[in-house]
Amino acid sequence: MTRAPAAAAKSTVTVVESRVMGKFTGERRTRILFICHGNICRSTMAQCVMQWLVDERGMGDRFTIDSAATTNEEIGMPIYPPARDKLREMGIPIVPHHARRIQAGEDAGWDYIVCMDDENIRHLRRILGPENCWNVRKLLSFCGESGSVADPWYTGDFDATYDDVLRGCEAMLAEIG
């Protein structure tokens, strides 16, 4: 499996502010942001699947998991109904969600920014700047593959997308968990 680039000498664990009774707990969490074009299908499916995987392993308190788009097209929209239906069919809980776009400067808040395809990476380089993409990878790279997660928006094949997302998330968790 490929590893994060050497430039990613930053820790893959971030200390985030967590308040319990108004006190800083110094809780250490790995922060993952999944990215796709509109943030209503693939990235949201990955967010739900990864959250389920870490929760099932009793590791939910060690991770912060979110998703975002590279475009404004679907901002504010919930998960796309066929994606939601596929997750429910597979017994994956749906996280509360409204599509949002990643913002310039947001890269510093994430240990991993995980894209679904090469177009997502090109858009991120424009949004974040190429020098700020040290923590960007494609999801299937965790499986040792260079391909993209199947895009159901064009194919309608949510089974293939789910299979790619599950394989990628399991491999990612095995590598970083």
N, C-alpha and C. Protein backbone atom coordinates (compact mmCIF):
# COMPACT_ATOMS: atom_id res chain seq x y z
N MET A 1 0.84 -1.19 0.00
CA MET A 1 0.00 0.00 0.00
C MET A 1 0.87 1.24 0.00
N THR A 2 0.36 2.27 -0.64
CA THR A 2 1.11 3.52 -0.66
C THR A 2 0.91 4.25 0.65
N ARG A 3 1.90 5.00 1.02
CA ARG A 3 1.87 5.80 2.25
C ARG A 3 1.71 7.26 1.89
N ALA A 4 1.37 8.08 2.88
CA ALA A 4 1.30 9.52 2.67
C ALA A 4 2.67 10.01 2.26
N PRO A 5 2.73 11.05 1.42
CA PRO A 5 4.02 11.56 0.96
C PRO A 5 4.91 12.00 2.12
N ALA A 6 6.22 11.97 1.87
CA ALA A 6 7.17 12.37 2.91
C ALA A 6 6.90 13.79 3.38
N ALA A 7 6.37 14.63 2.49
CA ALA A 7 6.05 16.00 2.89
C ALA A 7 4.99 16.02 3.97
N ALA A 8 4.32 14.90 4.13
CA ALA A 8 3.28 14.81 5.14
C ALA A 8 3.88 14.40 6.47
N ALA A 9 4.99 14.99 6.80
CA ALA A 9 5.65 14.67 8.06
C ALA A 9 4.82 15.11 9.25
N LYS A 10 3.78 15.89 8.97
CA LYS A 10 2.88 16.27 10.05
C LYS A 10 2.24 15.01 10.61
N SER A 11 1.90 15.02 11.86
CA SER A 11 1.27 13.87 12.49
C SER A 11 -0.07 13.57 11.84
N THR A 12 -0.40 12.29 11.72
CA THR A 12 -1.71 11.93 11.21
C THR A 12 -2.75 11.96 12.31
N VAL A 13 -2.36 12.42 13.46
CA VAL A 13 -3.28 12.58 14.56
C VAL A 13 -3.27 14.04 14.97
N THR A 14 -4.44 14.59 15.11
CA THR A 14 -4.57 16.00 15.45
C THR A 14 -5.18 16.13 16.83
N VAL A 15 -4.70 17.09 17.59
CA VAL A 15 -5.34 17.38 18.86
C VAL A 15 -6.44 18.39 18.56
N VAL A 16 -7.66 18.03 18.89
CA VAL A 16 -8.80 18.92 18.64
C VAL A 16 -9.38 19.35 19.97
N GLU A 17 -10.00 20.50 19.95
CA GLU A 17 -10.61 21.00 21.17
C GLU A 17 -11.93 20.28 21.41
N SER A 18 -12.03 19.63 22.51
CA SER A 18 -13.25 18.94 22.89
C SER A 18 -13.63 19.45 24.27
N ARG A 19 -14.83 19.91 24.41
CA ARG A 19 -15.22 20.49 25.68
C ARG A 19 -16.17 19.56 26.43
N VAL A 20 -15.79 19.23 27.64
CA VAL A 20 -16.63 18.48 28.55
C VAL A 20 -16.77 19.35 29.78
N MET A 21 -17.99 19.76 30.08
CA MET A 21 -18.23 20.65 31.22
C MET A 21 -17.37 21.91 31.09
N GLY A 22 -17.15 22.38 29.83
CA GLY A 22 -16.43 23.62 29.61
C GLY A 22 -14.92 23.52 29.74
N LYS A 23 -14.36 22.30 29.87
CA LYS A 23 -12.92 22.15 30.01
C LYS A 23 -12.34 21.47 28.79
N PHE A 24 -11.14 21.89 28.41
CA PHE A 24 -10.44 21.27 27.29
C PHE A 24 -9.95 19.89 27.71
N THR A 25 -10.27 18.87 26.93
CA THR A 25 -9.88 17.51 27.29
C THR A 25 -8.61 17.06 26.58
N GLY A 26 -8.16 17.81 25.54
CA GLY A 26 -6.96 17.42 24.81
C GLY A 26 -7.14 16.11 24.06
N GLU A 27 -8.34 15.79 23.69
CA GLU A 27 -8.66 14.55 23.00
C GLU A 27 -7.93 14.47 21.66
N ARG A 28 -7.35 13.32 21.35
CA ARG A 28 -6.64 13.11 20.09
C ARG A 28 -7.56 12.36 19.14
N ARG A 29 -7.76 12.94 17.96
CA ARG A 29 -8.64 12.34 16.96
C ARG A 29 -7.98 12.41 15.59
N THR A 30 -8.19 11.39 14.79
CA THR A 30 -7.78 11.43 13.39
C THR A 30 -8.95 12.02 12.61
N ARG A 31 -8.65 13.02 11.79
CA ARG A 31 -9.70 13.77 11.07
C ARG A 31 -9.66 13.42 9.58
N ILE A 32 -10.80 12.93 9.07
CA ILE A 32 -10.91 12.49 7.68
C ILE A 32 -12.03 13.28 7.01
N LEU A 33 -11.71 13.83 5.84
CA LEU A 33 -12.70 14.53 5.02
C LEU A 33 -12.78 13.84 3.67
N PHE A 34 -13.96 13.32 3.34
CA PHE A 34 -14.20 12.68 2.05
C PHE A 34 -14.74 13.73 1.07
N ILE A 35 -14.25 13.67 -0.17
CA ILE A 35 -14.57 14.67 -1.18
C ILE A 35 -15.11 14.02 -2.44
N CYS A 36 -16.17 14.61 -3.00
CA CYS A 36 -16.61 14.27 -4.35
C CYS A 36 -17.17 15.53 -5.01
N HIS A 37 -17.71 15.39 -6.18
CA HIS A 37 -18.17 16.53 -6.97
C HIS A 37 -19.27 17.33 -6.25
N GLY A 38 -20.36 16.66 -5.86
CA GLY A 38 -21.51 17.37 -5.30
C GLY A 38 -21.81 17.12 -3.84
N ASN A 39 -21.16 16.12 -3.23
CA ASN A 39 -21.34 15.80 -1.81
C ASN A 39 -22.74 15.28 -1.49
N ILE A 40 -23.32 14.54 -2.44
CA ILE A 40 -24.62 13.92 -2.16
C ILE A 40 -24.62 12.41 -2.43
N CYS A 41 -23.57 11.89 -3.07
CA CYS A 41 -23.50 10.45 -3.37
C CYS A 41 -22.26 9.81 -2.76
N ARG A 42 -21.15 9.85 -3.51
CA ARG A 42 -19.96 9.08 -3.13
C ARG A 42 -19.32 9.52 -1.82
N SER A 43 -19.06 10.82 -1.66
CA SER A 43 -18.37 11.25 -0.44
C SER A 43 -19.25 11.04 0.79
N THR A 44 -20.55 11.24 0.62
CA THR A 44 -21.45 11.02 1.75
C THR A 44 -21.57 9.54 2.08
N MET A 45 -21.59 8.69 1.04
CA MET A 45 -21.58 7.25 1.29
C MET A 45 -20.31 6.86 2.05
N ALA A 46 -19.17 7.41 1.63
CA ALA A 46 -17.90 7.09 2.31
C ALA A 46 -17.92 7.57 3.75
N GLN A 47 -18.47 8.75 3.99
CA GLN A 47 -18.57 9.27 5.36
C GLN A 47 -19.40 8.33 6.22
N CYS A 48 -20.54 7.91 5.71
CA CYS A 48 -21.41 7.00 6.48
C CYS A 48 -20.75 5.65 6.71
N VAL A 49 -20.12 5.10 5.67
CA VAL A 49 -19.48 3.79 5.80
C VAL A 49 -18.31 3.86 6.78
N MET A 50 -17.47 4.88 6.66
CA MET A 50 -16.32 4.97 7.58
C MET A 50 -16.79 5.19 9.01
N GLN A 51 -17.80 6.02 9.21
CA GLN A 51 -18.32 6.23 10.56
C GLN A 51 -18.83 4.92 11.14
N TRP A 52 -19.53 4.15 10.33
CA TRP A 52 -20.04 2.85 10.76
C TRP A 52 -18.89 1.91 11.10
N LEU A 53 -17.86 1.87 10.24
CA LEU A 53 -16.73 0.98 10.49
C LEU A 53 -16.03 1.31 11.81
N VAL A 54 -15.76 2.58 12.06
CA VAL A 54 -15.07 2.93 13.30
C VAL A 54 -15.97 2.73 14.51
N ASP A 55 -17.25 3.01 14.37
CA ASP A 55 -18.18 2.78 15.49
C ASP A 55 -18.30 1.30 15.82
N GLU A 56 -18.37 0.45 14.79
CA GLU A 56 -18.47 -1.00 14.99
C GLU A 56 -17.25 -1.56 15.70
N ARG A 57 -16.11 -0.93 15.52
CA ARG A 57 -14.87 -1.38 16.14
C ARG A 57 -14.60 -0.68 17.47
N GLY A 58 -15.56 0.12 17.93
CA GLY A 58 -15.40 0.82 19.19
C GLY A 58 -14.36 1.94 19.13
N MET A 59 -14.13 2.47 17.93
CA MET A 59 -13.11 3.51 17.74
C MET A 59 -13.72 4.85 17.34
N GLY A 60 -15.01 4.99 17.43
CA GLY A 60 -15.67 6.21 16.99
C GLY A 60 -15.16 7.47 17.66
N ASP A 61 -14.74 7.36 18.90
CA ASP A 61 -14.25 8.54 19.62
C ASP A 61 -12.83 8.93 19.21
N ARG A 62 -12.21 8.15 18.35
CA ARG A 62 -10.86 8.46 17.87
C ARG A 62 -10.85 9.17 16.53
N PHE A 63 -12.03 9.36 15.93
CA PHE A 63 -12.11 9.91 14.58
C PHE A 63 -13.14 11.03 14.49
N THR A 64 -12.85 11.99 13.63
CA THR A 64 -13.82 12.98 13.18
C THR A 64 -13.92 12.77 11.68
N ILE A 65 -15.12 12.50 11.20
CA ILE A 65 -15.32 12.15 9.79
C ILE A 65 -16.38 13.07 9.21
N ASP A 66 -16.09 13.64 8.05
CA ASP A 66 -17.03 14.55 7.39
C ASP A 66 -16.87 14.36 5.89
N SER A 67 -17.66 15.11 5.12
CA SER A 67 -17.57 15.07 3.67
C SER A 67 -17.91 16.44 3.11
N ALA A 68 -17.44 16.68 1.87
CA ALA A 68 -17.68 17.97 1.23
C ALA A 68 -17.59 17.80 -0.28
N ALA A 69 -18.03 18.84 -0.98
CA ALA A 69 -18.02 18.89 -2.44
C ALA A 69 -16.89 19.78 -2.92
N THR A 70 -16.60 19.68 -4.21
CA THR A 70 -15.68 20.62 -4.84
C THR A 70 -16.44 21.65 -5.67
N THR A 71 -17.76 21.53 -5.73
CA THR A 71 -18.58 22.45 -6.52
C THR A 71 -19.73 22.98 -5.66
N ASN A 72 -20.43 23.95 -6.17
CA ASN A 72 -21.58 24.54 -5.46
C ASN A 72 -22.92 23.94 -5.88
N GLU A 73 -22.92 23.01 -6.80
CA GLU A 73 -24.15 22.54 -7.44
C GLU A 73 -25.21 21.99 -6.49
N GLU A 74 -24.81 21.30 -5.46
CA GLU A 74 -25.77 20.62 -4.59
C GLU A 74 -25.79 21.15 -3.16
N ILE A 75 -25.19 22.31 -2.92
CA ILE A 75 -25.07 22.86 -1.57
C ILE A 75 -26.43 22.87 -0.87
N GLY A 76 -26.43 22.36 0.36
CA GLY A 76 -27.64 22.33 1.17
C GLY A 76 -28.52 21.11 0.98
N MET A 77 -28.23 20.31 -0.03
CA MET A 77 -29.07 19.14 -0.33
C MET A 77 -28.73 17.96 0.59
N PRO A 78 -29.71 17.13 0.89
CA PRO A 78 -29.43 15.92 1.68
C PRO A 78 -28.78 14.85 0.81
N ILE A 79 -28.44 13.74 1.41
CA ILE A 79 -27.89 12.62 0.65
C ILE A 79 -28.89 12.25 -0.45
N TYR A 80 -28.37 11.93 -1.62
CA TYR A 80 -29.20 11.56 -2.77
C TYR A 80 -30.00 10.29 -2.43
N PRO A 81 -31.32 10.28 -2.65
CA PRO A 81 -32.15 9.15 -2.21
C PRO A 81 -31.66 7.77 -2.60
N PRO A 82 -31.21 7.52 -3.85
CA PRO A 82 -30.71 6.17 -4.14
C PRO A 82 -29.45 5.80 -3.34
N ALA A 83 -28.61 6.78 -3.02
CA ALA A 83 -27.43 6.50 -2.18
C ALA A 83 -27.89 6.16 -0.77
N ARG A 84 -28.83 6.94 -0.26
CA ARG A 84 -29.40 6.67 1.07
C ARG A 84 -30.03 5.27 1.11
N ASP A 85 -30.78 4.93 0.06
CA ASP A 85 -31.44 3.62 0.01
C ASP A 85 -30.43 2.48 0.01
N LYS A 86 -29.33 2.64 -0.72
CA LYS A 86 -28.30 1.60 -0.76
C LYS A 86 -27.67 1.42 0.62
N LEU A 87 -27.36 2.52 1.28
CA LEU A 87 -26.78 2.42 2.62
C LEU A 87 -27.75 1.73 3.58
N ARG A 88 -29.00 2.10 3.53
CA ARG A 88 -30.01 1.44 4.40
C ARG A 88 -30.11 -0.04 4.10
N GLU A 89 -30.09 -0.39 2.82
CA GLU A 89 -30.15 -1.80 2.41
C GLU A 89 -28.99 -2.58 3.03
N MET A 90 -27.84 -1.94 3.15
CA MET A 90 -26.65 -2.60 3.68
C MET A 90 -26.54 -2.47 5.21
N GLY A 91 -27.51 -1.82 5.84
CA GLY A 91 -27.51 -1.69 7.29
C GLY A 91 -26.57 -0.61 7.81
N ILE A 92 -26.21 0.34 6.96
CA ILE A 92 -25.29 1.42 7.35
C ILE A 92 -26.11 2.61 7.82
N PRO A 93 -25.90 3.09 9.04
CA PRO A 93 -26.63 4.26 9.52
C PRO A 93 -26.29 5.50 8.69
N ILE A 94 -27.28 6.33 8.47
CA ILE A 94 -27.12 7.57 7.71
C ILE A 94 -26.77 8.68 8.70
N VAL A 95 -25.65 9.37 8.45
CA VAL A 95 -25.27 10.49 9.31
C VAL A 95 -26.09 11.72 8.89
N PRO A 96 -26.37 12.63 9.82
CA PRO A 96 -27.05 13.88 9.43
C PRO A 96 -26.20 14.59 8.37
N HIS A 97 -26.83 15.07 7.30
CA HIS A 97 -26.04 15.59 6.19
C HIS A 97 -26.78 16.64 5.37
N HIS A 98 -26.06 17.69 5.04
CA HIS A 98 -26.45 18.67 4.03
C HIS A 98 -25.18 18.99 3.27
N ALA A 99 -25.23 18.87 1.94
CA ALA A 99 -24.04 19.06 1.11
C ALA A 99 -23.42 20.43 1.37
N ARG A 100 -22.10 20.44 1.39
CA ARG A 100 -21.34 21.67 1.56
C ARG A 100 -20.11 21.62 0.66
N ARG A 101 -19.52 22.76 0.40
CA ARG A 101 -18.32 22.85 -0.43
C ARG A 101 -17.11 23.07 0.48
N ILE A 102 -16.01 22.41 0.18
CA ILE A 102 -14.77 22.63 0.92
C ILE A 102 -14.32 24.07 0.66
N GLN A 103 -13.74 24.67 1.67
CA GLN A 103 -13.31 26.07 1.59
C GLN A 103 -11.78 26.18 1.54
N ALA A 104 -11.30 27.21 0.90
CA ALA A 104 -9.86 27.49 0.89
C ALA A 104 -9.39 27.61 2.34
N GLY A 105 -8.25 27.03 2.64
CA GLY A 105 -7.69 27.07 3.98
C GLY A 105 -8.17 25.94 4.88
N GLU A 106 -9.17 25.20 4.45
CA GLU A 106 -9.73 24.13 5.27
C GLU A 106 -8.80 22.92 5.35
N ASP A 107 -7.84 22.80 4.45
CA ASP A 107 -6.93 21.65 4.42
C ASP A 107 -6.20 21.45 5.74
N ALA A 108 -5.87 22.53 6.42
CA ALA A 108 -5.11 22.42 7.67
C ALA A 108 -5.88 21.70 8.78
N GLY A 109 -7.18 21.63 8.67
CA GLY A 109 -7.99 20.99 9.70
C GLY A 109 -8.18 19.50 9.53
N TRP A 110 -7.60 18.93 8.47
CA TRP A 110 -7.84 17.51 8.17
C TRP A 110 -6.53 16.76 8.03
N ASP A 111 -6.47 15.57 8.63
CA ASP A 111 -5.31 14.71 8.49
C ASP A 111 -5.32 14.02 7.12
N TYR A 112 -6.51 13.67 6.66
CA TYR A 112 -6.69 13.01 5.36
C TYR A 112 -7.83 13.70 4.63
N ILE A 113 -7.58 14.09 3.39
CA ILE A 113 -8.63 14.56 2.50
C ILE A 113 -8.68 13.51 1.40
N VAL A 114 -9.79 12.79 1.33
CA VAL A 114 -9.90 11.59 0.51
C VAL A 114 -10.89 11.82 -0.63
N CYS A 115 -10.36 11.80 -1.85
CA CYS A 115 -11.16 12.08 -3.05
C CYS A 115 -11.63 10.78 -3.70
N MET A 116 -12.67 10.94 -4.51
CA MET A 116 -13.23 9.80 -5.21
C MET A 116 -12.63 9.62 -6.61
N ASP A 117 -12.11 10.70 -7.22
CA ASP A 117 -11.56 10.59 -8.57
C ASP A 117 -10.56 11.72 -8.85
N ASP A 118 -9.95 11.65 -10.03
CA ASP A 118 -8.93 12.63 -10.41
C ASP A 118 -9.51 14.03 -10.58
N GLU A 119 -10.74 14.14 -11.05
CA GLU A 119 -11.37 15.45 -11.19
C GLU A 119 -11.47 16.14 -9.83
N ASN A 120 -11.82 15.39 -8.80
CA ASN A 120 -11.88 15.96 -7.45
C ASN A 120 -10.52 16.53 -7.04
N ILE A 121 -9.46 15.81 -7.36
CA ILE A 121 -8.11 16.27 -7.00
C ILE A 121 -7.77 17.55 -7.76
N ARG A 122 -8.10 17.60 -9.05
CA ARG A 122 -7.84 18.82 -9.83
C ARG A 122 -8.58 20.01 -9.24
N HIS A 123 -9.84 19.81 -8.87
CA HIS A 123 -10.62 20.90 -8.26
C HIS A 123 -10.02 21.31 -6.92
N LEU A 124 -9.58 20.35 -6.13
CA LEU A 124 -8.98 20.67 -4.83
C LEU A 124 -7.71 21.50 -4.99
N ARG A 125 -6.91 21.18 -5.98
CA ARG A 125 -5.69 21.96 -6.21
C ARG A 125 -6.01 23.42 -6.51
N ARG A 126 -7.13 23.66 -7.20
CA ARG A 126 -7.54 25.04 -7.47
C ARG A 126 -8.10 25.70 -6.21
N ILE A 127 -8.86 24.97 -5.43
CA ILE A 127 -9.50 25.52 -4.23
C ILE A 127 -8.49 25.75 -3.11
N LEU A 128 -7.66 24.75 -2.85
CA LEU A 128 -6.73 24.80 -1.71
C LEU A 128 -5.35 25.32 -2.08
N GLY A 129 -5.00 25.19 -3.34
CA GLY A 129 -3.64 25.48 -3.80
C GLY A 129 -2.83 24.19 -3.77
N PRO A 130 -2.03 23.94 -4.80
CA PRO A 130 -1.29 22.67 -4.87
C PRO A 130 -0.38 22.43 -3.68
N GLU A 131 0.15 23.50 -3.10
CA GLU A 131 1.05 23.35 -1.95
C GLU A 131 0.32 22.88 -0.70
N ASN A 132 -0.99 22.95 -0.71
CA ASN A 132 -1.79 22.56 0.46
C ASN A 132 -2.48 21.21 0.28
N CYS A 133 -2.04 20.44 -0.70
CA CYS A 133 -2.68 19.15 -0.98
C CYS A 133 -1.82 17.96 -0.56
N TRP A 134 -0.93 18.17 0.41
CA TRP A 134 -0.05 17.10 0.88
C TRP A 134 -0.82 15.93 1.48
N ASN A 135 -2.02 16.19 1.98
CA ASN A 135 -2.79 15.15 2.66
C ASN A 135 -3.94 14.63 1.80
N VAL A 136 -3.90 14.87 0.49
CA VAL A 136 -4.96 14.47 -0.43
C VAL A 136 -4.59 13.14 -1.10
N ARG A 137 -5.55 12.20 -1.08
CA ARG A 137 -5.39 10.90 -1.74
C ARG A 137 -6.73 10.48 -2.31
N LYS A 138 -6.66 9.59 -3.30
CA LYS A 138 -7.89 8.96 -3.78
C LYS A 138 -8.22 7.78 -2.88
N LEU A 139 -9.50 7.54 -2.66
CA LEU A 139 -9.92 6.48 -1.74
C LEU A 139 -9.36 5.12 -2.15
N LEU A 140 -9.41 4.80 -3.43
CA LEU A 140 -8.96 3.47 -3.83
C LEU A 140 -7.45 3.31 -3.78
N SER A 141 -6.71 4.40 -3.55
CA SER A 141 -5.25 4.27 -3.38
C SER A 141 -4.94 3.47 -2.11
N PHE A 142 -5.85 3.48 -1.16
CA PHE A 142 -5.64 2.69 0.06
C PHE A 142 -5.73 1.19 -0.23
N CYS A 143 -6.32 0.84 -1.38
CA CYS A 143 -6.40 -0.55 -1.83
C CYS A 143 -5.24 -0.89 -2.76
N GLY A 144 -4.35 0.07 -2.98
CA GLY A 144 -3.24 -0.14 -3.91
C GLY A 144 -3.67 0.02 -5.36
N GLU A 145 -4.78 0.71 -5.59
CA GLU A 145 -5.32 0.90 -6.93
C GLU A 145 -5.24 2.38 -7.32
N SER A 146 -5.17 2.63 -8.62
CA SER A 146 -5.11 4.00 -9.10
C SER A 146 -6.46 4.49 -9.63
N GLY A 147 -7.45 3.61 -9.67
CA GLY A 147 -8.75 3.95 -10.25
C GLY A 147 -9.60 4.84 -9.36
N SER A 148 -10.77 5.15 -9.89
CA SER A 148 -11.73 6.02 -9.22
C SER A 148 -12.89 5.22 -8.67
N VAL A 149 -13.54 5.77 -7.65
CA VAL A 149 -14.77 5.18 -7.14
C VAL A 149 -15.84 5.39 -8.20
N ALA A 150 -16.57 4.33 -8.52
CA ALA A 150 -17.62 4.40 -9.54
C ALA A 150 -18.59 5.53 -9.22
N ASP A 151 -18.93 6.33 -10.23
CA ASP A 151 -19.80 7.49 -10.03
C ASP A 151 -21.24 7.13 -10.41
N PRO A 152 -22.11 6.93 -9.42
CA PRO A 152 -23.48 6.49 -9.69
C PRO A 152 -24.36 7.59 -10.29
N TRP A 153 -23.90 8.83 -10.22
CA TRP A 153 -24.69 9.93 -10.79
C TRP A 153 -24.91 9.69 -12.28
N TYR A 154 -23.87 9.12 -12.92
CA TYR A 154 -23.94 8.89 -14.36
C TYR A 154 -24.36 7.47 -14.72
N THR A 155 -24.05 6.50 -13.84
CA THR A 155 -24.32 5.10 -14.17
C THR A 155 -25.60 4.57 -13.52
N GLY A 156 -25.99 5.18 -12.41
CA GLY A 156 -27.13 4.66 -11.65
C GLY A 156 -26.79 3.39 -10.89
N ASP A 157 -25.53 2.96 -10.93
CA ASP A 157 -25.11 1.71 -10.29
C ASP A 157 -24.58 1.98 -8.89
N PHE A 158 -25.48 2.04 -7.93
CA PHE A 158 -25.09 2.31 -6.55
C PHE A 158 -24.46 1.10 -5.89
N ASP A 159 -24.69 -0.10 -6.46
CA ASP A 159 -24.02 -1.30 -5.94
C ASP A 159 -22.51 -1.21 -6.15
N ALA A 160 -22.10 -0.84 -7.37
CA ALA A 160 -20.67 -0.72 -7.67
C ALA A 160 -20.04 0.37 -6.81
N THR A 161 -20.74 1.47 -6.65
CA THR A 161 -20.21 2.56 -5.82
C THR A 161 -20.04 2.11 -4.38
N TYR A 162 -21.06 1.46 -3.84
CA TYR A 162 -20.98 0.97 -2.46
C TYR A 162 -19.80 0.01 -2.31
N ASP A 163 -19.64 -0.92 -3.27
CA ASP A 163 -18.54 -1.89 -3.19
C ASP A 163 -17.19 -1.18 -3.16
N ASP A 164 -17.01 -0.19 -4.05
CA ASP A 164 -15.75 0.58 -4.06
C ASP A 164 -15.54 1.31 -2.74
N VAL A 165 -16.58 1.97 -2.26
CA VAL A 165 -16.48 2.74 -1.02
C VAL A 165 -16.14 1.83 0.16
N LEU A 166 -16.81 0.71 0.26
CA LEU A 166 -16.54 -0.22 1.37
C LEU A 166 -15.11 -0.73 1.31
N ARG A 167 -14.65 -1.18 0.13
CA ARG A 167 -13.28 -1.67 -0.01
C ARG A 167 -12.28 -0.58 0.37
N GLY A 168 -12.51 0.63 -0.14
CA GLY A 168 -11.59 1.73 0.13
C GLY A 168 -11.56 2.10 1.61
N CYS A 169 -12.72 2.19 2.22
CA CYS A 169 -12.78 2.56 3.64
C CYS A 169 -12.16 1.48 4.53
N GLU A 170 -12.41 0.20 4.21
CA GLU A 170 -11.81 -0.87 5.01
C GLU A 170 -10.28 -0.84 4.89
N ALA A 171 -9.79 -0.63 3.67
CA ALA A 171 -8.34 -0.58 3.47
C ALA A 171 -7.74 0.65 4.16
N MET A 172 -8.43 1.77 4.08
CA MET A 172 -7.95 2.98 4.74
C MET A 172 -7.87 2.77 6.23
N LEU A 173 -8.91 2.23 6.80
CA LEU A 173 -8.92 2.00 8.25
C LEU A 173 -7.83 1.02 8.67
N ALA A 174 -7.59 -0.01 7.85
CA ALA A 174 -6.51 -0.95 8.16
C ALA A 174 -5.15 -0.25 8.15
N GLU A 175 -4.99 0.72 7.27
CA GLU A 175 -3.72 1.44 7.17
C GLU A 175 -3.53 2.47 8.27
N ILE A 176 -4.58 3.19 8.62
CA ILE A 176 -4.40 4.31 9.56
C ILE A 176 -4.93 4.04 10.96
N GLY A 177 -5.80 3.01 11.08
CA GLY A 177 -6.49 2.77 12.34
C GLY A 177 -5.64 2.17 13.39
